[in-house]
C-alpha atoms as a PDB file:
ATOM      1  CA  MET A   1      -6.982  -9.371  15.514  1.00  0.00           C
ATOM      2  CA  LYS A   2      -6.937 -11.722  12.526  1.00  0.00           C
ATOM      3  CA  TYR A   3      -4.775 -11.061   9.659  1.00  0.00           C
ATOM      4  CA  VAL A   4      -3.150 -12.934   6.502  1.00  0.00           C
ATOM      5  CA  VAL A   5       0.201 -12.673   4.956  1.00  0.00           C
ATOM      6  CA  LEU A   6      -0.238 -12.929   1.169  1.00  0.00           C
ATOM      7  CA  TYR A   7       2.429 -13.617  -1.276  1.00  0.00           C
ATOM      8  CA  VAL A   8       1.884 -12.797  -5.005  1.00  0.00           C
ATOM      9  CA  ASN A   9       4.131 -12.041  -7.942  1.00  0.00           C
ATOM     10  CA  GLU A  10       5.350  -8.587  -8.690  1.00  0.00           C
ATOM     11  CA  GLU A  11       3.578  -8.433 -11.828  1.00  0.00           C
ATOM     12  CA  THR A  12       0.026  -8.941 -10.233  1.00  0.00           C
ATOM     13  CA  VAL A  13       0.555  -7.023  -6.850  1.00  0.00           C
ATOM     14  CA  GLU A  14      -1.502  -3.992  -7.964  1.00  0.00           C
ATOM     15  CA  GLU A  15      -4.415  -6.162  -9.483  1.00  0.00           C
ATOM     16  CA  VAL A  16      -4.441  -8.147  -6.309  1.00  0.00           C
ATOM     17  CA  GLU A  17      -4.346  -5.165  -3.913  1.00  0.00           C
ATOM     18  CA  GLU A  18      -7.431  -3.686  -5.764  1.00  0.00           C
ATOM     19  CA  LYS A  19      -9.379  -6.839  -5.482  1.00  0.00           C
ATOM     20  CA  LEU A  20      -8.557  -7.336  -1.757  1.00  0.00           C
ATOM     21  CA  GLN A  21      -9.381  -3.495  -1.032  1.00  0.00           C
ATOM     22  CA  THR A  22     -13.032  -4.191  -2.719  1.00  0.00           C
ATOM     23  CA  LEU A  23     -14.040  -6.917  -0.340  1.00  0.00           C
ATOM     24  CA  HIS A  24     -16.017  -5.771   2.657  1.00  0.00           C
ATOM     25  CA  PHE A  25     -14.256  -7.834   5.316  1.00  0.00           C
ATOM     26  CA  VAL A  26     -10.934  -6.447   4.412  1.00  0.00           C
ATOM     27  CA  ARG A  27      -9.984  -3.604   6.778  1.00  0.00           C
ATOM     28  CA  GLN A  28      -6.531  -2.701   5.583  1.00  0.00           C
ATOM     29  CA  VAL A  29      -3.975  -3.794   2.770  1.00  0.00           C
ATOM     30  CA  GLU A  30      -0.319  -3.026   3.200  1.00  0.00           C
ATOM     31  CA  ARG A  31       2.636  -3.829   1.098  1.00  0.00           C
ATOM     32  CA  SER A  32       5.880  -5.298   2.356  1.00  0.00           C
ATOM     33  CA  TYR A  33       8.992  -3.110   2.453  1.00  0.00           C
ATOM     34  CA  ARG A  34      11.246  -6.304   2.019  1.00  0.00           C
ATOM     35  CA  PRO A  35      12.004  -5.836  -1.773  1.00  0.00           C
ATOM     36  CA  ASP A  36      13.331  -2.305  -0.932  1.00  0.00           C
ATOM     37  CA  ILE A  37      15.592  -3.261   2.005  1.00  0.00           C
ATOM     38  CA  GLU A  38      19.235  -4.361   1.224  1.00  0.00           C
ATOM     39  CA  MET A  39      19.486  -7.882   2.659  1.00  0.00           C
ATOM     40  CA  ASN A  40      23.347  -8.346   2.283  1.00  0.00           C
ATOM     41  CA  PHE A  41      25.008  -7.742   5.626  1.00  0.00           C
ATOM     42  CA  ALA A  42      28.156  -9.902   4.901  1.00  0.00           C
ATOM     43  CA  ASP A  43      30.045  -6.739   3.895  1.00  0.00           C
ATOM     44  CA  ARG A  44      29.106  -4.676   7.024  1.00  0.00           C
ATOM     45  CA  ILE A  45      28.933  -6.901   9.908  1.00  0.00           C
ATOM     46  CA  GLY A  46      32.074  -6.487  12.350  1.00  0.00           C
ATOM     47  CA  THR A  47      33.355  -3.494  10.289  1.00  0.00           C
ATOM     48  CA  LYS A  48      33.367   0.161  10.700  1.00  0.00           C
ATOM     49  CA  ALA A  49      30.881   0.533   7.888  1.00  0.00           C
ATOM     50  CA  ALA A  50      28.326  -1.068  10.243  1.00  0.00           C
ATOM     51  CA  TYR A  51      28.491   2.091  12.249  1.00  0.00           C
ATOM     52  CA  GLN A  52      28.327   4.815   9.424  1.00  0.00           C
ATOM     53  CA  VAL A  53      25.541   7.036   8.980  1.00  0.00           C
ATOM     54  CA  LYS A  54      24.806   7.961   5.342  1.00  0.00           C
ATOM     55  CA  ASP A  55      22.833  11.115   6.422  1.00  0.00           C
ATOM     56  CA  ASP A  56      24.606  14.617   7.133  1.00  0.00           C
ATOM     57  CA  ASP A  57      24.315  13.952  10.851  1.00  0.00           C
ATOM     58  CA  GLU A  58      27.292  11.785  11.141  1.00  0.00           C
ATOM     59  CA  LEU A  59      28.012   9.974  14.345  1.00  0.00           C
ATOM     60  CA  ASP A  60      31.481   9.411  15.877  1.00  0.00           C
ATOM     61  CA  VAL A  61      32.418   6.065  17.214  1.00  0.00           C
ATOM     62  CA  VAL A  62      34.695   6.355  20.302  1.00  0.00           C
ATOM     63  CA  GLU A  63      36.059   3.287  22.155  1.00  0.00           C
ATOM     64  CA  ALA A  64      36.838   4.146  25.829  1.00  0.00           C
ATOM     65  CA  ASN A  65      38.496   2.275  28.581  1.00  0.00           C
ATOM     66  CA  THR A  66      36.540   2.152  31.697  1.00  0.00           C
ATOM     67  CA  LYS A  67      37.882   1.157  34.979  1.00  0.00           C
ATOM     68  CA  ILE A  68      35.763  -0.533  37.557  1.00  0.00           C
ATOM     69  CA  ARG A  69      36.851  -0.411  41.066  1.00  0.00           C
ATOM     70  CA  LEU A  70      34.765  -2.279  44.032  1.00  0.00           C
ATOM     71  CA  ALA A  71      34.449  -0.618  47.130  1.00  0.00           C
ATOM     72  CA  GLU A  72      36.698  -2.254  49.896  1.00  0.00           C
ATOM     73  CA  THR A  73      34.334  -1.642  52.716  1.00  0.00           C
ATOM     74  CA  VAL A  74      30.757  -1.029  52.668  1.00  0.00           C
END
């Protein structure tokens, strides 16, 4: 599989995409989701906010103490 990653200015994305799709050797054109992703993780790492879910299905984070006992005889 051969592919290319092409960086273009936001103003020309649609124009470049249309031109690429007209080329006979281009099978597929995909846009990156990176502009839509929040890249600031400094406020979330290591905090309870990192475990919070924004959907209606909220998850509860429970810390449990687990005791590990080794068998004396095998």
